[in-house]
Protein backbone atom coordinates (compact mmCIF):
# COMPACT_ATOMS: atom_id res chain seq x y z
CA MET A 1 -77.16 35.94 -55.37
CA THR A 2 -75.96 34.65 -58.72
CA PHE A 3 -75.24 30.98 -59.37
CA ARG A 4 -71.50 31.79 -59.80
CA MET A 5 -71.41 33.66 -56.52
CA LEU A 6 -73.11 30.78 -54.73
CA ILE A 7 -70.55 28.37 -55.92
CA PHE A 8 -67.71 30.69 -54.73
CA VAL A 9 -69.20 31.07 -51.24
CA SER A 10 -69.83 27.35 -50.85
CA THR A 11 -66.27 26.53 -51.99
CA THR A 12 -64.84 29.09 -49.60
CA LEU A 13 -66.66 27.59 -46.63
CA LEU A 14 -65.61 24.12 -47.62
CA LEU A 15 -61.97 25.10 -47.84
CA GLY A 16 -62.19 26.95 -44.62
CA ALA A 17 -63.50 23.83 -42.91
CA CYS A 18 -60.70 21.68 -44.34
CA GLY A 19 -58.00 24.15 -43.36
CA GLY A 20 -58.81 24.03 -39.63
CA THR A 21 -57.17 21.83 -36.96
CA PRO A 22 -57.41 18.24 -38.15
CA SER A 23 -59.39 15.97 -35.90
CA LYS A 24 -57.64 12.98 -34.34
CA PRO A 25 -58.38 9.51 -35.78
CA ALA A 26 -61.54 8.10 -34.32
CA ASP A 27 -59.69 5.07 -32.88
CA GLN A 28 -56.85 6.91 -31.16
CA PRO A 29 -56.46 5.66 -27.58
CA ASP A 30 -56.70 8.10 -24.71
CA TRP A 31 -53.13 7.39 -23.53
CA VAL A 32 -51.47 8.68 -26.75
CA ASN A 33 -51.83 12.33 -25.64
CA GLY A 34 -53.24 11.97 -22.13
CA ARG A 35 -53.94 9.65 -19.29
CA SER A 36 -55.06 6.07 -19.70
CA LYS A 37 -58.35 5.13 -18.12
CA GLN A 38 -57.47 1.51 -18.32
CA TYR A 39 -54.08 2.07 -16.55
CA PRO A 40 -54.69 4.89 -14.15
CA PRO A 41 -51.65 6.56 -12.50
CA GLU A 42 -52.78 5.58 -9.01
CA LEU A 43 -52.34 1.91 -10.01
CA TYR A 44 -49.61 2.01 -12.76
CA LEU A 45 -46.47 3.72 -13.75
CA THR A 46 -46.54 4.32 -17.57
CA GLY A 47 -44.26 5.28 -20.31
CA ARG A 48 -44.85 6.13 -23.96
CA GLY A 49 -42.91 5.48 -27.14
CA GLN A 50 -43.37 6.43 -30.80
CA SER A 51 -41.62 5.24 -33.93
CA LYS A 52 -42.30 4.01 -37.45
CA GLN A 53 -41.40 0.50 -36.31
CA SER A 54 -43.54 -1.30 -33.73
CA ASP A 55 -40.56 -2.82 -31.86
CA ASP A 56 -38.76 0.49 -31.62
CA ALA A 57 -41.95 2.13 -30.22
CA LYS A 58 -42.20 -0.55 -27.54
CA ASP A 59 -38.47 -0.16 -26.59
CA ARG A 60 -38.86 3.59 -26.32
CA ALA A 61 -41.90 3.16 -24.14
CA ARG A 62 -40.03 0.86 -21.79
CA ALA A 63 -37.11 3.28 -21.72
CA ASP A 64 -39.50 6.22 -21.01
CA LEU A 65 -40.93 4.37 -17.97
CA ALA A 66 -37.45 3.25 -16.75
CA LYS A 67 -36.36 6.92 -16.61
CA THR A 68 -38.47 7.21 -13.55
CA PHE A 69 -35.83 5.27 -11.66
CA GLU A 70 -32.72 6.85 -13.18
CA VAL A 71 -32.49 9.83 -10.77
CA TYR A 72 -32.83 7.45 -7.86
CA ILE A 73 -29.98 5.28 -9.16
CA GLN A 74 -27.78 8.38 -9.38
CA GLU A 75 -28.74 9.52 -5.83
CA ASN A 76 -28.02 6.04 -4.41
CA GLN A 77 -24.64 6.04 -6.10
CA LYS A 78 -23.79 9.28 -4.45
CA ASP A 79 -24.84 7.80 -1.11
CA VAL A 80 -22.58 4.86 -1.59
CA GLN A 81 -19.69 7.19 -2.28
CA ALA A 82 -20.58 9.26 0.82
CA PHE A 83 -20.78 6.33 3.13
CA SER A 84 -18.08 3.98 1.68
CA ALA A 85 -15.50 6.33 0.15
CA VAL A 86 -11.86 6.21 1.17
CA LYS A 87 -10.33 9.65 1.14
CA GLU A 88 -6.91 10.62 -0.10
CA ASP A 89 -6.03 14.31 -0.11
CA ASP A 90 -9.74 15.02 0.32
CA LYS A 91 -10.62 13.21 -2.83
CA ALA A 92 -13.06 10.29 -2.70
CA GLN A 93 -11.53 6.98 -3.81
CA GLN A 94 -13.74 4.04 -4.84
CA THR A 95 -13.40 0.86 -2.74
CA HIS A 96 -14.14 -2.68 -3.95
CA SER A 97 -17.08 -2.79 -1.50
CA GLN A 98 -18.44 0.47 -2.85
CA LEU A 99 -18.35 -0.81 -6.41
CA ASP A 100 -20.04 -4.11 -5.34
CA VAL A 101 -22.90 -2.13 -3.70
CA THR A 102 -23.33 0.12 -6.73
CA ARG A 103 -23.47 -2.85 -9.04
CA THR A 104 -26.10 -4.50 -6.79
CA ILE A 105 -28.15 -1.38 -6.72
CA ILE A 106 -28.20 -1.17 -10.51
CA THR A 107 -28.89 -4.89 -10.91
CA SER A 108 -31.74 -4.78 -8.43
CA THR A 109 -33.27 -1.80 -10.14
CA ASP A 110 -33.01 -3.63 -13.47
CA GLN A 111 -34.94 -6.54 -11.92
CA ILE A 112 -37.78 -4.14 -11.15
CA VAL A 113 -37.64 -2.61 -14.56
CA ARG A 114 -37.80 -6.05 -16.12
CA GLY A 115 -41.37 -6.22 -14.78
CA ILE A 116 -42.42 -3.59 -17.29
CA GLN A 117 -45.01 -4.76 -19.77
CA ILE A 118 -46.47 -3.32 -22.97
CA GLY A 119 -50.07 -2.53 -22.10
CA ASP A 120 -51.25 -1.31 -25.53
CA VAL A 121 -50.05 -0.50 -29.02
CA TRP A 122 -51.68 1.64 -31.71
CA ARG A 123 -50.91 2.60 -35.31
CA ASP A 124 -51.88 5.97 -36.68
CA SER A 125 -53.54 5.05 -40.03
CA ILE A 126 -52.85 8.51 -41.37
CA SER A 127 -49.21 9.09 -40.46
CA GLY A 128 -48.25 5.39 -40.19
CA GLU A 129 -46.56 6.13 -36.82
CA GLN A 130 -46.61 3.36 -34.18
CA TYR A 131 -47.33 4.14 -30.59
CA ALA A 132 -46.75 1.98 -27.50
CA LEU A 133 -47.74 2.16 -23.87
CA ALA A 134 -45.51 0.61 -21.29
CA ILE A 135 -46.97 -0.21 -17.84
CA LEU A 136 -45.68 -1.30 -14.47
CA SER A 137 -48.11 -2.25 -11.78
CA ARG A 138 -47.46 -0.30 -8.63
CA GLN A 139 -48.70 -3.03 -6.43
CA GLN A 140 -46.51 -5.68 -8.12
CA ALA A 141 -43.38 -3.52 -8.03
CA ALA A 142 -44.02 -2.42 -4.42
CA ALA A 143 -44.36 -6.09 -3.33
CA ALA A 144 -41.02 -6.95 -4.99
CA LEU A 145 -39.26 -4.01 -3.43
CA ARG A 146 -40.63 -4.80 0.07
CA GLN A 147 -39.37 -8.37 -0.33
CA GLU A 148 -35.91 -7.07 -1.10
CA ILE A 149 -35.94 -4.70 1.82
CA GLY A 150 -36.94 -7.50 4.11
CA ARG A 151 -34.04 -9.64 2.82
CA LEU A 152 -31.55 -6.89 3.35
CA ASP A 153 -32.78 -6.21 6.87
CA GLU A 154 -32.41 -9.91 7.65
CA THR A 155 -28.87 -9.80 6.16
CA THR A 156 -28.06 -6.81 8.39
CA ARG A 157 -29.40 -8.50 11.58
CA ILE A 158 -27.48 -11.76 10.86
CA ASN A 159 -24.19 -9.89 10.34
CA ILE A 160 -24.60 -7.57 13.35
CA ASP A 161 -25.20 -10.66 15.55
CA ALA A 162 -22.21 -12.44 13.97
CA ALA A 163 -19.95 -9.52 14.54
CA ALA A 164 -21.01 -9.28 18.22
CA ASN A 165 -20.51 -12.99 18.82
CA SER A 166 -17.06 -13.35 17.12
CA ASP A 167 -13.76 -13.18 18.90
CA ASP A 168 -11.79 -12.59 15.60
CA PRO A 169 -11.23 -8.91 14.97
CA LEU A 170 -11.02 -9.34 11.24
CA VAL A 171 -14.32 -11.34 11.16
CA LYS A 172 -15.90 -8.58 13.19
CA VAL A 173 -14.77 -5.99 10.64
CA GLY A 174 -16.07 -8.10 7.73
CA LYS A 175 -19.51 -8.72 9.28
CA ALA A 176 -19.90 -5.06 10.24
CA ASN A 177 -19.03 -4.15 6.66
CA ARG A 178 -21.64 -6.50 5.28
CA ALA A 179 -24.24 -5.10 7.61
CA LEU A 180 -23.42 -1.54 6.58
CA ASN A 181 -23.51 -2.33 2.89
CA ALA A 182 -26.75 -4.06 3.22
CA GLN A 183 -28.36 -0.98 4.68
CA ILE A 184 -26.79 1.31 2.05
CA GLU A 185 -28.32 -1.04 -0.59
CA ARG A 186 -31.57 -0.98 1.29
CA LEU A 187 -31.73 2.80 0.88
CA ALA A 188 -31.81 2.29 -2.86
CA PHE A 189 -34.87 -0.01 -2.65
CA GLN A 190 -36.57 2.37 -0.18
CA ARG A 191 -36.18 5.25 -2.61
CA SER A 192 -37.46 3.11 -5.49
CA LEU A 193 -40.41 2.13 -3.24
CA SER A 194 -41.20 5.84 -2.76
CA VAL A 195 -41.61 6.02 -6.50
CA VAL A 196 -44.08 3.22 -6.91
CA ASP A 197 -45.91 3.45 -3.55
CA ARG A 198 -48.03 6.51 -3.67
CA SER A 199 -48.51 6.44 0.13
CA GLY A 200 -44.78 7.30 0.43
CA GLU A 201 -44.52 5.33 3.67
CA GLY A 202 -41.98 2.77 2.61
CA VAL A 203 -40.68 0.33 5.25
CA ARG A 204 -39.62 1.71 8.67
CA ASN A 205 -35.89 1.30 9.20
CA THR A 206 -34.45 -0.37 12.24
CA TRP A 207 -30.84 0.65 11.85
CA SER A 208 -29.21 4.00 11.13
CA ILE A 209 -26.60 3.98 8.41
CA ALA A 210 -24.62 6.65 10.21
CA SER A 211 -24.55 4.53 13.39
CA LEU A 212 -23.50 1.38 11.42
CA GLN A 213 -20.79 3.42 9.67
CA ASN A 214 -19.59 4.69 13.09
CA ASP A 215 -19.50 1.14 14.59
CA PHE A 216 -17.55 -0.10 11.49
CA GLU A 217 -14.97 2.63 11.87
CA LYS A 218 -14.50 1.84 15.53
CA LEU A 219 -13.93 -1.81 14.82
CA LEU A 220 -11.28 -0.87 12.23
CA ASN A 221 -9.56 1.36 14.76
CA ARG A 222 -9.59 -1.39 17.47
CA THR A 223 -7.90 -3.84 15.11
CA ARG A 224 -4.15 -3.61 15.78
CA VAL A 225 -1.88 -4.23 12.79
CA ARG A 226 1.93 -4.49 13.05
CA PRO A 227 3.71 -3.27 9.87
CA ALA A 228 6.59 -5.52 8.89
CA ILE A 229 9.04 -5.16 5.97
CA THR A 230 10.12 -8.44 4.47
CA ASN A 231 11.88 -6.92 1.45
CA ASP A 232 12.57 -3.37 0.38
CA ASP A 233 14.71 -2.74 -2.70
CA SER A 234 13.97 0.94 -2.47
CA GLY A 235 15.17 1.17 1.17
CA GLN A 236 12.47 3.70 1.95
CA ILE A 237 9.06 2.14 2.42
CA LYS A 238 9.41 1.62 6.18
CA ASP A 239 8.70 5.37 6.59
CA ILE A 240 5.34 5.11 4.81
CA LEU A 241 3.93 1.79 5.86
CA ALA A 242 2.78 2.63 9.42
CA GLY A 243 1.15 5.80 8.09
CA ALA A 244 -0.71 3.87 5.36
CA VAL A 245 -2.06 1.44 7.93
CA ALA A 246 -3.31 4.29 10.15
CA ALA A 247 -4.79 6.12 7.16
CA ALA A 248 -6.71 2.96 6.27
CA GLY A 249 -8.44 3.25 9.66
CA PHE A 250 -6.57 0.48 11.46
CA SER A 251 -4.36 0.89 14.56
CA ALA A 252 -0.66 0.72 13.62
CA ASP A 253 1.17 -1.01 16.44
CA ASP A 254 4.81 -2.25 16.61
CA SER A 255 4.35 -4.32 19.66
CA SER A 256 4.39 -8.15 19.59
CA GLY A 257 0.89 -8.60 20.92
CA THR A 258 -0.92 -7.16 17.92
CA ASP A 259 -3.89 -8.85 16.24
CA PHE A 260 -2.29 -9.06 12.86
CA THR A 261 1.04 -8.63 11.09
CA LEU A 262 1.15 -6.92 7.68
CA GLU A 263 4.16 -8.23 5.79
CA THR A 264 5.15 -5.99 2.97
CA SER A 265 7.62 -6.43 0.22
CA LEU A 266 8.80 -4.08 -2.53
CA SER A 267 10.97 -5.86 -5.07
CA LEU A 268 12.56 -4.06 -8.04
CA GLU A 269 14.43 -5.22 -11.12
CA ASP A 270 16.86 -2.82 -12.80
CA LEU A 271 16.05 -2.67 -16.57
CA GLY A 272 18.96 -0.41 -17.27
CA GLN A 273 19.17 2.73 -19.36
CA LYS A 274 17.18 2.87 -22.55
CA SER A 275 18.15 4.50 -25.84
CA ASP A 276 16.21 7.67 -24.85
CA GLY A 277 18.45 8.11 -21.82
CA TRP A 278 15.85 7.20 -19.24
CA TRP A 279 16.51 4.57 -16.50
CA TRP A 280 13.78 2.01 -16.01
CA SER A 281 12.88 -0.40 -13.24
CA GLN A 282 10.02 -2.83 -12.70
CA GLY A 283 8.86 -4.99 -9.92
CA ALA A 284 5.95 -5.49 -7.49
CA LEU A 285 4.59 -4.38 -4.20
CA GLU A 286 3.12 -7.23 -2.14
CA ILE A 287 1.32 -7.52 1.11
CA LYS A 288 0.37 -10.48 3.26
CA LEU A 289 -1.82 -10.26 6.35
CA LEU A 290 -1.05 -12.86 9.08
CA ASP A 291 -3.00 -13.49 12.26
CA LYS A 292 -1.48 -14.34 15.68
CA ASN A 293 -1.19 -17.99 14.75
CA GLY A 294 0.77 -17.18 11.54
CA LYS A 295 -2.18 -18.03 9.35
CA THR A 296 -2.43 -16.04 6.09
CA ARG A 297 -5.70 -14.09 5.99
CA GLY A 298 -5.15 -12.48 2.67
CA ASN A 299 -2.53 -11.31 0.22
CA LYS A 300 -2.26 -9.00 -2.80
CA ARG A 301 0.28 -7.92 -5.36
CA TRP A 302 0.50 -4.73 -7.33
CA PRO A 303 2.95 -4.52 -10.34
CA ILE A 304 5.17 -1.48 -10.50
CA LYS A 305 7.03 0.11 -13.38
CA ILE A 306 8.97 3.32 -13.00
CA SER A 307 11.51 5.51 -14.88
CA ALA A 308 13.75 8.49 -14.22
CA GLN A 309 16.37 10.50 -16.03
CA GLN A 310 18.80 9.83 -13.17
CA LYS A 311 19.34 6.37 -11.76
CA LEU A 312 19.58 7.60 -8.18
CA VAL A 313 16.01 8.88 -8.44
CA ILE A 314 14.59 5.45 -9.11
CA ALA A 315 14.41 4.49 -5.43
CA GLN A 316 12.48 7.64 -4.48
CA ARG A 317 10.14 7.11 -7.44
CA ALA A 318 9.51 3.48 -6.21
CA LYS A 319 8.78 4.73 -2.75
CA ASP A 320 6.33 7.39 -4.08
CA GLU A 321 4.54 4.75 -6.21
CA ALA A 322 4.27 2.38 -3.21
CA ALA A 323 2.90 5.15 -1.05
CA LYS A 324 0.31 5.99 -3.72
CA ILE A 325 -0.83 2.43 -3.98
CA LEU A 326 -1.04 1.87 -0.22
CA ASN A 327 -2.81 5.12 0.51
CA LYS A 328 -5.35 4.41 -2.13
CA ASP A 329 -5.94 0.66 -1.96
CA LEU A 330 -4.83 -0.59 1.54
CA ARG A 331 -8.15 0.00 3.27
CA ALA A 332 -10.26 -1.58 0.59
CA THR A 333 -7.81 -4.52 0.32
CA LEU A 334 -7.77 -5.23 4.12
CA VAL A 335 -11.54 -4.87 4.36
CA GLY A 336 -11.73 -7.29 1.41
CA PHE A 337 -9.69 -9.80 3.44
CA ALA A 338 -12.16 -9.31 6.23
CA ILE A 339 -15.22 -9.88 4.00
CA THR A 340 -13.79 -13.14 2.76
CA SER A 341 -13.01 -14.32 6.26
CA PRO A 342 -15.24 -17.23 7.40
């Protein structure tokens, strides 16, 4: 072989070696592309982040780990809707109680996520990329979740006992609602616990949500409410009030021996005809719940503004708007009065 040929062969072999798959940096941690021996999956939940900036990489790692809980938050929100929804024309309507439980679920999950730590960071000396590993101790997170479950079970027990021992129908409704919401919230923690606890056992439940829901609905139905009109500028809401009370789950009763009286007022102010030819009116729908002793247990006001091309149609529009409000909000409002009862 000539000297020139030898150089050619040597150069070819060298270029071939350089053109192969580049080897990873010698100091690259195992977790960048695989499992971490220091933070094994049976002991830790982990998330990874990558960016040119170290802080961004850490934030992305935390977000990557937090995604583990996102699907459970969504499932829990669906459960809250299923258990707590008010239905109007077969469409679920959100109640104040439902929104409160949903907010608590998200807040509580955030508390668990705040336990996430950055276990390691690494910079690729070749590309300059920053890598971060976020970790969450399964044992630590499980302990926190079990503590919250215990708190909610105690809340449920206290409110069930309080409902059983009270002679006030509205207090019974409020306590039963608190017990139900505590168990719906508990379901969120139980599902999160199934994520962090590899045994999958969770904490055995003493109460059935379906049973608590059924008991709550029965208490509503046993609560007798007498609809009463104190003012009606539309002249038509008497026809819808009793139906709205019944649709809210309460027992509408015109007799004098009812548990509560629901005073209802619809006031309207004629704003006249505008330049576009439309007639306008504004006012308010107000309700006040009184017990047998005449004590106010709650009140609420909804503003109303309506318009029509013909003045005679205003009254009908006012009635329709009042019906819409009552059918959508009356249950949540009355239950809200119950929750704030002592």
